[in-house]
Amino acid sequence: IDYSLENLSLLGVDMIYIVVGKYAEDV
């Protein structure tokens, strides 16, 4: 997931939402 976060950071987004499921607390 760090690779995805890094991409969005480089893209310059202002907010990140992460859609989670079974492992929500772990994420």
mmCIF file of all heavy atoms, coordinates in Angstrom:
data_MODEL
# 
_entry.id   MODEL 
# 
loop_
_atom_site.group_PDB 
_atom_site.id 
_atom_site.type_symbol 
_atom_site.label_atom_id 
_atom_site.label_alt_id 
_atom_site.label_comp_id 
_atom_site.label_asym_id 
_atom_site.label_entity_id 
_atom_site.label_seq_id 
_atom_site.pdbx_PDB_ins_code 
_atom_site.Cartn_x 
_atom_site.Cartn_y 
_atom_site.Cartn_z 
_atom_site.occupancy 
_atom_site.B_iso_or_equiv 
_atom_site.pdbx_formal_charge 
_atom_site.auth_seq_id 
_atom_site.auth_comp_id 
_atom_site.auth_asym_id 
_atom_site.auth_atom_id 
_atom_site.pdbx_PDB_model_num 
ATOM 1   N N   . ILE A 1 1  ? 0.817   -1.211  0.000   1.00 0.00 ? 1  ILE A N   1 
ATOM 2   C CA  . ILE A 1 1  ? 0.000   0.000   0.000   1.00 0.00 ? 1  ILE A CA  1 
ATOM 3   C C   . ILE A 1 1  ? 0.852   1.263   0.000   1.00 0.00 ? 1  ILE A C   1 
ATOM 4   O O   . ILE A 1 1  ? 0.409   2.328   -0.447  1.00 0.00 ? 1  ILE A O   1 
ATOM 5   C CB  . ILE A 1 1  ? -0.992  0.001   1.191   1.00 0.00 ? 1  ILE A CB  1 
ATOM 6   C CG1 . ILE A 1 1  ? -2.126  1.004   0.921   1.00 0.00 ? 1  ILE A CG1 1 
ATOM 7   C CG2 . ILE A 1 1  ? -0.277  0.298   2.505   1.00 0.00 ? 1  ILE A CG2 1 
ATOM 8   C CD1 . ILE A 1 1  ? -3.271  0.886   1.897   1.00 0.00 ? 1  ILE A CD1 1 
ATOM 9   N N   . ASP A 1 2  ? 2.100   1.157   0.471   1.00 0.00 ? 2  ASP A N   1 
ATOM 10  C CA  . ASP A 1 2  ? 2.988   2.325   0.464   1.00 0.00 ? 2  ASP A CA  1 
ATOM 11  C C   . ASP A 1 2  ? 3.267   2.812   -0.952  1.00 0.00 ? 2  ASP A C   1 
ATOM 12  O O   . ASP A 1 2  ? 3.436   4.018   -1.183  1.00 0.00 ? 2  ASP A O   1 
ATOM 13  C CB  . ASP A 1 2  ? 4.312   2.003   1.159   1.00 0.00 ? 2  ASP A CB  1 
ATOM 14  C CG  . ASP A 1 2  ? 4.172   1.859   2.657   1.00 0.00 ? 2  ASP A CG  1 
ATOM 15  O OD1 . ASP A 1 2  ? 3.237   2.458   3.221   1.00 0.00 ? 2  ASP A OD1 1 
ATOM 16  O OD2 . ASP A 1 2  ? 4.989   1.146   3.269   1.00 0.00 ? 2  ASP A OD2 1 
ATOM 17  N N   . TYR A 1 3  ? 3.331   1.885   -1.891  1.00 0.00 ? 3  TYR A N   1 
ATOM 18  C CA  . TYR A 1 3  ? 3.573   2.283   -3.283  1.00 0.00 ? 3  TYR A CA  1 
ATOM 19  C C   . TYR A 1 3  ? 2.389   3.099   -3.812  1.00 0.00 ? 3  TYR A C   1 
ATOM 20  O O   . TYR A 1 3  ? 2.578   4.069   -4.557  1.00 0.00 ? 3  TYR A O   1 
ATOM 21  C CB  . TYR A 1 3  ? 3.803   1.045   -4.151  1.00 0.00 ? 3  TYR A CB  1 
ATOM 22  C CG  . TYR A 1 3  ? 5.097   0.327   -3.830  1.00 0.00 ? 3  TYR A CG  1 
ATOM 23  C CD1 . TYR A 1 3  ? 5.116   -0.743  -2.939  1.00 0.00 ? 3  TYR A CD1 1 
ATOM 24  C CD2 . TYR A 1 3  ? 6.297   0.724   -4.403  1.00 0.00 ? 3  TYR A CD2 1 
ATOM 25  C CE1 . TYR A 1 3  ? 6.302   -1.396  -2.625  1.00 0.00 ? 3  TYR A CE1 1 
ATOM 26  C CE2 . TYR A 1 3  ? 7.491   0.075   -4.108  1.00 0.00 ? 3  TYR A CE2 1 
ATOM 27  C CZ  . TYR A 1 3  ? 7.485   -0.976  -3.211  1.00 0.00 ? 3  TYR A CZ  1 
ATOM 28  O OH  . TYR A 1 3  ? 8.667   -1.616  -2.897  1.00 0.00 ? 3  TYR A OH  1 
ATOM 29  N N   . SER A 1 4  ? 1.184   2.730   -3.410  1.00 0.00 ? 4  SER A N   1 
ATOM 30  C CA  . SER A 1 4  ? -0.002  3.478   -3.824  1.00 0.00 ? 4  SER A CA  1 
ATOM 31  C C   . SER A 1 4  ? -0.037  4.845   -3.154  1.00 0.00 ? 4  SER A C   1 
ATOM 32  O O   . SER A 1 4  ? -0.351  5.864   -3.797  1.00 0.00 ? 4  SER A O   1 
ATOM 33  C CB  . SER A 1 4  ? -1.267  2.691   -3.461  1.00 0.00 ? 4  SER A CB  1 
ATOM 34  O OG  . SER A 1 4  ? -1.242  1.406   -4.029  1.00 0.00 ? 4  SER A OG  1 
ATOM 35  N N   . LEU A 1 5  ? 0.275   4.881   -1.873  1.00 0.00 ? 5  LEU A N   1 
ATOM 36  C CA  . LEU A 1 5  ? 0.302   6.148   -1.148  1.00 0.00 ? 5  LEU A CA  1 
ATOM 37  C C   . LEU A 1 5  ? 1.339   7.097   -1.741  1.00 0.00 ? 5  LEU A C   1 
ATOM 38  O O   . LEU A 1 5  ? 1.092   8.301   -1.888  1.00 0.00 ? 5  LEU A O   1 
ATOM 39  C CB  . LEU A 1 5  ? 0.617   5.890   0.332   1.00 0.00 ? 5  LEU A CB  1 
ATOM 40  C CG  . LEU A 1 5  ? -0.496  5.235   1.150   1.00 0.00 ? 5  LEU A CG  1 
ATOM 41  C CD1 . LEU A 1 5  ? 0.073   4.655   2.441   1.00 0.00 ? 5  LEU A CD1 1 
ATOM 42  C CD2 . LEU A 1 5  ? -1.595  6.247   1.464   1.00 0.00 ? 5  LEU A CD2 1 
ATOM 43  N N   . GLU A 1 6  ? 2.481   6.550   -2.091  1.00 0.00 ? 6  GLU A N   1 
ATOM 44  C CA  . GLU A 1 6  ? 3.542   7.371   -2.682  1.00 0.00 ? 6  GLU A CA  1 
ATOM 45  C C   . GLU A 1 6  ? 3.097   7.966   -4.009  1.00 0.00 ? 6  GLU A C   1 
ATOM 46  O O   . GLU A 1 6  ? 3.344   9.148   -4.284  1.00 0.00 ? 6  GLU A O   1 
ATOM 47  C CB  . GLU A 1 6  ? 4.791   6.517   -2.884  1.00 0.00 ? 6  GLU A CB  1 
ATOM 48  C CG  . GLU A 1 6  ? 5.973   7.276   -3.447  1.00 0.00 ? 6  GLU A CG  1 
ATOM 49  C CD  . GLU A 1 6  ? 7.188   6.390   -3.611  1.00 0.00 ? 6  GLU A CD  1 
ATOM 50  O OE1 . GLU A 1 6  ? 7.296   5.732   -4.665  1.00 0.00 ? 6  GLU A OE1 1 
ATOM 51  O OE2 . GLU A 1 6  ? 7.998   6.334   -2.673  1.00 0.00 ? 6  GLU A OE2 1 
ATOM 52  N N   . ASN A 1 7  ? 2.435   7.179   -4.843  1.00 0.00 ? 7  ASN A N   1 
ATOM 53  C CA  . ASN A 1 7  ? 1.948   7.682   -6.129  1.00 0.00 ? 7  ASN A CA  1 
ATOM 54  C C   . ASN A 1 7  ? 0.995   8.852   -5.943  1.00 0.00 ? 7  ASN A C   1 
ATOM 55  O O   . ASN A 1 7  ? 1.093   9.880   -6.633  1.00 0.00 ? 7  ASN A O   1 
ATOM 56  C CB  . ASN A 1 7  ? 1.236   6.569   -6.902  1.00 0.00 ? 7  ASN A CB  1 
ATOM 57  C CG  . ASN A 1 7  ? 2.190   5.568   -7.505  1.00 0.00 ? 7  ASN A CG  1 
ATOM 58  O OD1 . ASN A 1 7  ? 3.388   5.791   -7.552  1.00 0.00 ? 7  ASN A OD1 1 
ATOM 59  N ND2 . ASN A 1 7  ? 1.656   4.455   -7.957  1.00 0.00 ? 7  ASN A ND2 1 
ATOM 60  N N   . LEU A 1 8  ? 0.048   8.712   -5.017  1.00 0.00 ? 8  LEU A N   1 
ATOM 61  C CA  . LEU A 1 8  ? -0.927  9.771   -4.795  1.00 0.00 ? 8  LEU A CA  1 
ATOM 62  C C   . LEU A 1 8  ? -0.279  11.008  -4.189  1.00 0.00 ? 8  LEU A C   1 
ATOM 63  O O   . LEU A 1 8  ? -0.673  12.143  -4.480  1.00 0.00 ? 8  LEU A O   1 
ATOM 64  C CB  . LEU A 1 8  ? -2.057  9.266   -3.900  1.00 0.00 ? 8  LEU A CB  1 
ATOM 65  C CG  . LEU A 1 8  ? -2.963  8.203   -4.516  1.00 0.00 ? 8  LEU A CG  1 
ATOM 66  C CD1 . LEU A 1 8  ? -4.020  7.755   -3.522  1.00 0.00 ? 8  LEU A CD1 1 
ATOM 67  C CD2 . LEU A 1 8  ? -3.625  8.716   -5.793  1.00 0.00 ? 8  LEU A CD2 1 
ATOM 68  N N   . SER A 1 9  ? 0.726   10.792  -3.355  1.00 0.00 ? 9  SER A N   1 
ATOM 69  C CA  . SER A 1 9  ? 1.458   11.924  -2.786  1.00 0.00 ? 9  SER A CA  1 
ATOM 70  C C   . SER A 1 9  ? 2.172   12.704  -3.883  1.00 0.00 ? 9  SER A C   1 
ATOM 71  O O   . SER A 1 9  ? 2.121   13.940  -3.927  1.00 0.00 ? 9  SER A O   1 
ATOM 72  C CB  . SER A 1 9  ? 2.469   11.427  -1.743  1.00 0.00 ? 9  SER A CB  1 
ATOM 73  O OG  . SER A 1 9  ? 3.267   12.486  -1.253  1.00 0.00 ? 9  SER A OG  1 
ATOM 74  N N   . LEU A 1 10 ? 2.830   11.995  -4.790  1.00 0.00 ? 10 LEU A N   1 
ATOM 75  C CA  . LEU A 1 10 ? 3.521   12.642  -5.904  1.00 0.00 ? 10 LEU A CA  1 
ATOM 76  C C   . LEU A 1 10 ? 2.539   13.329  -6.848  1.00 0.00 ? 10 LEU A C   1 
ATOM 77  O O   . LEU A 1 10 ? 2.871   14.341  -7.476  1.00 0.00 ? 10 LEU A O   1 
ATOM 78  C CB  . LEU A 1 10 ? 4.355   11.618  -6.669  1.00 0.00 ? 10 LEU A CB  1 
ATOM 79  C CG  . LEU A 1 10 ? 5.570   11.042  -5.941  1.00 0.00 ? 10 LEU A CG  1 
ATOM 80  C CD1 . LEU A 1 10 ? 6.175   9.879   -6.722  1.00 0.00 ? 10 LEU A CD1 1 
ATOM 81  C CD2 . LEU A 1 10 ? 6.624   12.122  -5.711  1.00 0.00 ? 10 LEU A CD2 1 
ATOM 82  N N   . LEU A 1 11 ? 1.330   12.782  -6.936  1.00 0.00 ? 11 LEU A N   1 
ATOM 83  C CA  . LEU A 1 11 ? 0.305   13.380  -7.776  1.00 0.00 ? 11 LEU A CA  1 
ATOM 84  C C   . LEU A 1 11 ? -0.187  14.700  -7.198  1.00 0.00 ? 11 LEU A C   1 
ATOM 85  O O   . LEU A 1 11 ? -0.725  15.541  -7.908  1.00 0.00 ? 11 LEU A O   1 
ATOM 86  C CB  . LEU A 1 11 ? -0.859  12.405  -7.938  1.00 0.00 ? 11 LEU A CB  1 
ATOM 87  C CG  . LEU A 1 11 ? -1.939  12.741  -8.957  1.00 0.00 ? 11 LEU A CG  1 
ATOM 88  C CD1 . LEU A 1 11 ? -1.371  12.745  -10.381 1.00 0.00 ? 11 LEU A CD1 1 
ATOM 89  C CD2 . LEU A 1 11 ? -3.090  11.747  -8.864  1.00 0.00 ? 11 LEU A CD2 1 
ATOM 90  N N   . GLY A 1 12 ? 0.001   14.866  -5.891  1.00 0.00 ? 12 GLY A N   1 
ATOM 91  C CA  . GLY A 1 12 ? -0.370  16.116  -5.244  1.00 0.00 ? 12 GLY A CA  1 
ATOM 92  C C   . GLY A 1 12 ? -1.803  16.178  -4.752  1.00 0.00 ? 12 GLY A C   1 
ATOM 93  O O   . GLY A 1 12 ? -2.411  17.260  -4.750  1.00 0.00 ? 12 GLY A O   1 
ATOM 94  N N   . VAL A 1 13 ? -2.356  15.050  -4.299  1.00 0.00 ? 13 VAL A N   1 
ATOM 95  C CA  . VAL A 1 13 ? -3.723  15.074  -3.779  1.00 0.00 ? 13 VAL A CA  1 
ATOM 96  C C   . VAL A 1 13 ? -3.757  15.774  -2.419  1.00 0.00 ? 13 VAL A C   1 
ATOM 97  O O   . VAL A 1 13 ? -2.750  15.848  -1.716  1.00 0.00 ? 13 VAL A O   1 
ATOM 98  C CB  . VAL A 1 13 ? -4.304  13.651  -3.658  1.00 0.00 ? 13 VAL A CB  1 
ATOM 99  C CG1 . VAL A 1 13 ? -4.315  12.954  -5.007  1.00 0.00 ? 13 VAL A CG1 1 
ATOM 100 C CG2 . VAL A 1 13 ? -3.526  12.818  -2.638  1.00 0.00 ? 13 VAL A CG2 1 
ATOM 101 N N   . ASP A 1 14 ? -4.934  16.286  -2.068  1.00 0.00 ? 14 ASP A N   1 
ATOM 102 C CA  . ASP A 1 14 ? -5.098  17.018  -0.811  1.00 0.00 ? 14 ASP A CA  1 
ATOM 103 C C   . ASP A 1 14 ? -5.620  16.131  0.312   1.00 0.00 ? 14 ASP A C   1 
ATOM 104 O O   . ASP A 1 14 ? -5.537  16.494  1.487   1.00 0.00 ? 14 ASP A O   1 
ATOM 105 C CB  . ASP A 1 14 ? -6.063  18.187  -1.007  1.00 0.00 ? 14 ASP A CB  1 
ATOM 106 C CG  . ASP A 1 14 ? -5.627  19.117  -2.126  1.00 0.00 ? 14 ASP A CG  1 
ATOM 107 O OD1 . ASP A 1 14 ? -4.480  19.592  -2.091  1.00 0.00 ? 14 ASP A OD1 1 
ATOM 108 O OD2 . ASP A 1 14 ? -6.432  19.336  -3.047  1.00 0.00 ? 14 ASP A OD2 1 
ATOM 109 N N   . MET A 1 15 ? -6.191  14.988  -0.060  1.00 0.00 ? 15 MET A N   1 
ATOM 110 C CA  . MET A 1 15 ? -6.816  14.093  0.914   1.00 0.00 ? 15 MET A CA  1 
ATOM 111 C C   . MET A 1 15 ? -6.775  12.689  0.354   1.00 0.00 ? 15 MET A C   1 
ATOM 112 O O   . MET A 1 15 ? -6.915  12.489  -0.864  1.00 0.00 ? 15 MET A O   1 
ATOM 113 C CB  . MET A 1 15 ? -8.275  14.524  1.154   1.00 0.00 ? 15 MET A CB  1 
ATOM 114 C CG  . MET A 1 15 ? -9.061  13.646  2.098   1.00 0.00 ? 15 MET A CG  1 
ATOM 115 S SD  . MET A 1 15 ? -8.547  13.932  3.803   1.00 0.00 ? 15 MET A SD  1 
ATOM 116 C CE  . MET A 1 15 ? -9.329  12.545  4.643   1.00 0.00 ? 15 MET A CE  1 
ATOM 117 N N   . ILE A 1 16 ? -6.571  11.697  1.221   1.00 0.00 ? 16 ILE A N   1 
ATOM 118 C CA  . ILE A 1 16 ? -6.567  10.303  0.786   1.00 0.00 ? 16 ILE A CA  1 
ATOM 119 C C   . ILE A 1 16 ? -7.602  9.513   1.585   1.00 0.00 ? 16 ILE A C   1 
ATOM 120 O O   . ILE A 1 16 ? -7.606  9.558   2.824   1.00 0.00 ? 16 ILE A O   1 
ATOM 121 C CB  . ILE A 1 16 ? -5.179  9.649   0.965   1.00 0.00 ? 16 ILE A CB  1 
ATOM 122 C CG1 . ILE A 1 16 ? -4.141  10.328  0.067   1.00 0.00 ? 16 ILE A CG1 1 
ATOM 123 C CG2 . ILE A 1 16 ? -5.243  8.148   0.641   1.00 0.00 ? 16 ILE A CG2 1 
ATOM 124 C CD1 . ILE A 1 16 ? -2.720  9.835   0.290   1.00 0.00 ? 16 ILE A CD1 1 
ATOM 125 N N   . TYR A 1 17 ? -8.473  8.818   0.870   1.00 0.00 ? 17 TYR A N   1 
ATOM 126 C CA  . TYR A 1 17 ? -9.409  7.888   1.489   1.00 0.00 ? 17 TYR A CA  1 
ATOM 127 C C   . TYR A 1 17 ? -8.947  6.477   1.147   1.00 0.00 ? 17 TYR A C   1 
ATOM 128 O O   . TYR A 1 17 ? -8.621  6.189   -0.006  1.00 0.00 ? 17 TYR A O   1 
ATOM 129 C CB  . TYR A 1 17 ? -10.830 8.094   0.966   1.00 0.00 ? 17 TYR A CB  1 
ATOM 130 C CG  . TYR A 1 17 ? -11.446 9.408   1.383   1.00 0.00 ? 17 TYR A CG  1 
ATOM 131 C CD1 . TYR A 1 17 ? -11.462 10.498  0.510   1.00 0.00 ? 17 TYR A CD1 1 
ATOM 132 C CD2 . TYR A 1 17 ? -12.010 9.560   2.643   1.00 0.00 ? 17 TYR A CD2 1 
ATOM 133 C CE1 . TYR A 1 17 ? -12.018 11.707  0.881   1.00 0.00 ? 17 TYR A CE1 1 
ATOM 134 C CE2 . TYR A 1 17 ? -12.575 10.766  3.032   1.00 0.00 ? 17 TYR A CE2 1 
ATOM 135 C CZ  . TYR A 1 17 ? -12.576 11.832  2.143   1.00 0.00 ? 17 TYR A CZ  1 
ATOM 136 O OH  . TYR A 1 17 ? -13.123 13.030  2.522   1.00 0.00 ? 17 TYR A OH  1 
ATOM 137 N N   . ILE A 1 18 ? -8.919  5.615   2.136   1.00 0.00 ? 18 ILE A N   1 
ATOM 138 C CA  . ILE A 1 18 ? -8.567  4.220   1.908   1.00 0.00 ? 18 ILE A CA  1 
ATOM 139 C C   . ILE A 1 18 ? -9.802  3.369   2.200   1.00 0.00 ? 18 ILE A C   1 
ATOM 140 O O   . ILE A 1 18 ? -10.334 3.392   3.312   1.00 0.00 ? 18 ILE A O   1 
ATOM 141 C CB  . ILE A 1 18 ? -7.396  3.760   2.792   1.00 0.00 ? 18 ILE A CB  1 
ATOM 142 C CG1 . ILE A 1 18 ? -6.166  4.645   2.551   1.00 0.00 ? 18 ILE A CG1 1 
ATOM 143 C CG2 . ILE A 1 18 ? -7.050  2.303   2.502   1.00 0.00 ? 18 ILE A CG2 1 
ATOM 144 C CD1 . ILE A 1 18 ? -4.957  4.269   3.402   1.00 0.00 ? 18 ILE A CD1 1 
ATOM 145 N N   . VAL A 1 19 ? -10.267 2.657   1.180   1.00 0.00 ? 19 VAL A N   1 
ATOM 146 C CA  . VAL A 1 19 ? -11.419 1.767   1.345   1.00 0.00 ? 19 VAL A CA  1 
ATOM 147 C C   . VAL A 1 19 ? -10.904 0.426   1.844   1.00 0.00 ? 19 VAL A C   1 
ATOM 148 O O   . VAL A 1 19 ? -10.076 -0.220  1.188   1.00 0.00 ? 19 VAL A O   1 
ATOM 149 C CB  . VAL A 1 19 ? -12.190 1.600   0.035   1.00 0.00 ? 19 VAL A CB  1 
ATOM 150 C CG1 . VAL A 1 19 ? -13.393 0.683   0.240   1.00 0.00 ? 19 VAL A CG1 1 
ATOM 151 C CG2 . VAL A 1 19 ? -12.650 2.949   -0.506  1.00 0.00 ? 19 VAL A CG2 1 
ATOM 152 N N   . VAL A 1 20 ? -11.366 0.021   3.018   1.00 0.00 ? 20 VAL A N   1 
ATOM 153 C CA  . VAL A 1 20 ? -10.868 -1.191  3.666   1.00 0.00 ? 20 VAL A CA  1 
ATOM 154 C C   . VAL A 1 20 ? -12.017 -2.156  3.932   1.00 0.00 ? 20 VAL A C   1 
ATOM 155 O O   . VAL A 1 20 ? -13.187 -1.786  3.856   1.00 0.00 ? 20 VAL A O   1 
ATOM 156 C CB  . VAL A 1 20 ? -10.140 -0.852  4.986   1.00 0.00 ? 20 VAL A CB  1 
ATOM 157 C CG1 . VAL A 1 20 ? -8.842  -0.110  4.716   1.00 0.00 ? 20 VAL A CG1 1 
ATOM 158 C CG2 . VAL A 1 20 ? -11.036 0.002   5.898   1.00 0.00 ? 20 VAL A CG2 1 
ATOM 159 N N   . GLY A 1 21 ? -11.657 -3.382  4.247   1.00 0.00 ? 21 GLY A N   1 
ATOM 160 C CA  . GLY A 1 21 ? -12.666 -4.406  4.494   1.00 0.00 ? 21 GLY A CA  1 
ATOM 161 C C   . GLY A 1 21 ? -12.320 -5.247  5.709   1.00 0.00 ? 21 GLY A C   1 
ATOM 162 O O   . GLY A 1 21 ? -12.206 -4.741  6.819   1.00 0.00 ? 21 GLY A O   1 
ATOM 163 N N   . LYS A 1 22 ? -12.102 -6.524  5.485   1.00 0.00 ? 22 LYS A N   1 
ATOM 164 C CA  . LYS A 1 22 ? -11.861 -7.486  6.563   1.00 0.00 ? 22 LYS A CA  1 
ATOM 165 C C   . LYS A 1 22 ? -10.701 -7.079  7.461   1.00 0.00 ? 22 LYS A C   1 
ATOM 166 O O   . LYS A 1 22 ? -10.757 -7.256  8.681   1.00 0.00 ? 22 LYS A O   1 
ATOM 167 C CB  . LYS A 1 22 ? -11.590 -8.864  5.957   1.00 0.00 ? 22 LYS A CB  1 
ATOM 168 C CG  . LYS A 1 22 ? -11.256 -9.951  6.953   1.00 0.00 ? 22 LYS A CG  1 
ATOM 169 C CD  . LYS A 1 22 ? -10.990 -11.265 6.238   1.00 0.00 ? 22 LYS A CD  1 
ATOM 170 C CE  . LYS A 1 22 ? -10.611 -12.363 7.233   1.00 0.00 ? 22 LYS A CE  1 
ATOM 171 N NZ  . LYS A 1 22 ? -10.344 -13.661 6.553   1.00 0.00 ? 22 LYS A NZ  1 
ATOM 172 N N   . TYR A 1 23 ? -9.644  -6.530  6.866   1.00 0.00 ? 23 TYR A N   1 
ATOM 173 C CA  . TYR A 1 23 ? -8.443  -6.197  7.639   1.00 0.00 ? 23 TYR A CA  1 
ATOM 174 C C   . TYR A 1 23 ? -8.350  -4.694  7.953   1.00 0.00 ? 23 TYR A C   1 
ATOM 175 O O   . TYR A 1 23 ? -7.265  -4.137  8.017   1.00 0.00 ? 23 TYR A O   1 
ATOM 176 C CB  . TYR A 1 23 ? -7.196  -6.631  6.872   1.00 0.00 ? 23 TYR A CB  1 
ATOM 177 C CG  . TYR A 1 23 ? -7.132  -8.120  6.614   1.00 0.00 ? 23 TYR A CG  1 
ATOM 178 C CD1 . TYR A 1 23 ? -7.492  -8.638  5.377   1.00 0.00 ? 23 TYR A CD1 1 
ATOM 179 C CD2 . TYR A 1 23 ? -6.716  -8.999  7.612   1.00 0.00 ? 23 TYR A CD2 1 
ATOM 180 C CE1 . TYR A 1 23 ? -7.427  -10.003 5.134   1.00 0.00 ? 23 TYR A CE1 1 
ATOM 181 C CE2 . TYR A 1 23 ? -6.652  -10.363 7.376   1.00 0.00 ? 23 TYR A CE2 1 
ATOM 182 C CZ  . TYR A 1 23 ? -7.011  -10.855 6.133   1.00 0.00 ? 23 TYR A CZ  1 
ATOM 183 O OH  . TYR A 1 23 ? -6.953  -12.208 5.895   1.00 0.00 ? 23 TYR A OH  1 
ATOM 184 N N   . ALA A 1 24 ? -9.501  -4.072  8.139   1.00 0.00 ? 24 ALA A N   1 
ATOM 185 C CA  . ALA A 1 24 ? -9.551  -2.626  8.333   1.00 0.00 ? 24 ALA A CA  1 
ATOM 186 C C   . ALA A 1 24 ? -8.624  -2.144  9.445   1.00 0.00 ? 24 ALA A C   1 
ATOM 187 O O   . ALA A 1 24 ? -7.838  -1.205  9.258   1.00 0.00 ? 24 ALA A O   1 
ATOM 188 C CB  . ALA A 1 24 ? -10.990 -2.199  8.621   1.00 0.00 ? 24 ALA A CB  1 
ATOM 189 N N   . GLU A 1 25 ? -8.695  -2.771  10.594  1.00 0.00 ? 25 GLU A N   1 
ATOM 190 C CA  . GLU A 1 25 ? -7.902  -2.313  11.735  1.00 0.00 ? 25 GLU A CA  1 
ATOM 191 C C   . GLU A 1 25 ? -6.406  -2.450  11.472  1.00 0.00 ? 25 GLU A C   1 
ATOM 192 O O   . GLU A 1 25 ? -5.614  -1.594  11.880  1.00 0.00 ? 25 GLU A O   1 
ATOM 193 C CB  . GLU A 1 25 ? -8.300  -3.074  12.999  1.00 0.00 ? 25 GLU A CB  1 
ATOM 194 C CG  . GLU A 1 25 ? -9.719  -2.772  13.476  1.00 0.00 ? 25 GLU A CG  1 
ATOM 195 C CD  . GLU A 1 25 ? -10.037 -3.463  14.787  1.00 0.00 ? 25 GLU A CD  1 
ATOM 196 O OE1 . GLU A 1 25 ? -9.141  -4.165  15.324  1.00 0.00 ? 25 GLU A OE1 1 
ATOM 197 O OE2 . GLU A 1 25 ? -11.172 -3.305  15.268  1.00 0.00 ? 25 GLU A OE2 1 
ATOM 198 N N   . ASP A 1 26 ? -6.011  -3.512  10.787  1.00 0.00 ? 26 ASP A N   1 
ATOM 199 C CA  . ASP A 1 26 ? -4.595  -3.703  10.464  1.00 0.00 ? 26 ASP A CA  1 
ATOM 200 C C   . ASP A 1 26 ? -4.092  -2.585  9.556   1.00 0.00 ? 26 ASP A C   1 
ATOM 201 O O   . ASP A 1 26 ? -2.987  -2.058  9.748   1.00 0.00 ? 26 ASP A O   1 
ATOM 202 C CB  . ASP A 1 26 ? -4.387  -5.061  9.777   1.00 0.00 ? 26 ASP A CB  1 
ATOM 203 C CG  . ASP A 1 26 ? -4.674  -6.227  10.691  1.00 0.00 ? 26 ASP A CG  1 
ATOM 204 O OD1 . ASP A 1 26 ? -4.637  -6.039  11.921  1.00 0.00 ? 26 ASP A OD1 1 
ATOM 205 O OD2 . ASP A 1 26 ? -4.932  -7.332  10.176  1.00 0.00 ? 26 ASP A OD2 1 
ATOM 206 N N   . VAL A 1 27 ? -4.890  -2.233  8.557   1.00 0.00 ? 27 VAL A N   1 
ATOM 207 C CA  . VAL A 1 27 ? -4.492  -1.166  7.629   1.00 0.00 ? 27 VAL A CA  1 
ATOM 208 C C   . VAL A 1 27 ? -4.428  0.172   8.364   1.00 0.00 ? 27 VAL A C   1 
ATOM 209 O O   . VAL A 1 27 ? -3.486  0.959   8.168   1.00 0.00 ? 27 VAL A O   1 
ATOM 210 C CB  . VAL A 1 27 ? -5.463  -1.080  6.436   1.00 0.00 ? 27 VAL A CB  1 
ATOM 211 C CG1 . VAL A 1 27 ? -5.075  0.079   5.522   1.00 0.00 ? 27 VAL A CG1 1 
ATOM 212 C CG2 . VAL A 1 27 ? -5.464  -2.383  5.653   1.00 0.00 ? 27 VAL A CG2 1 
# 
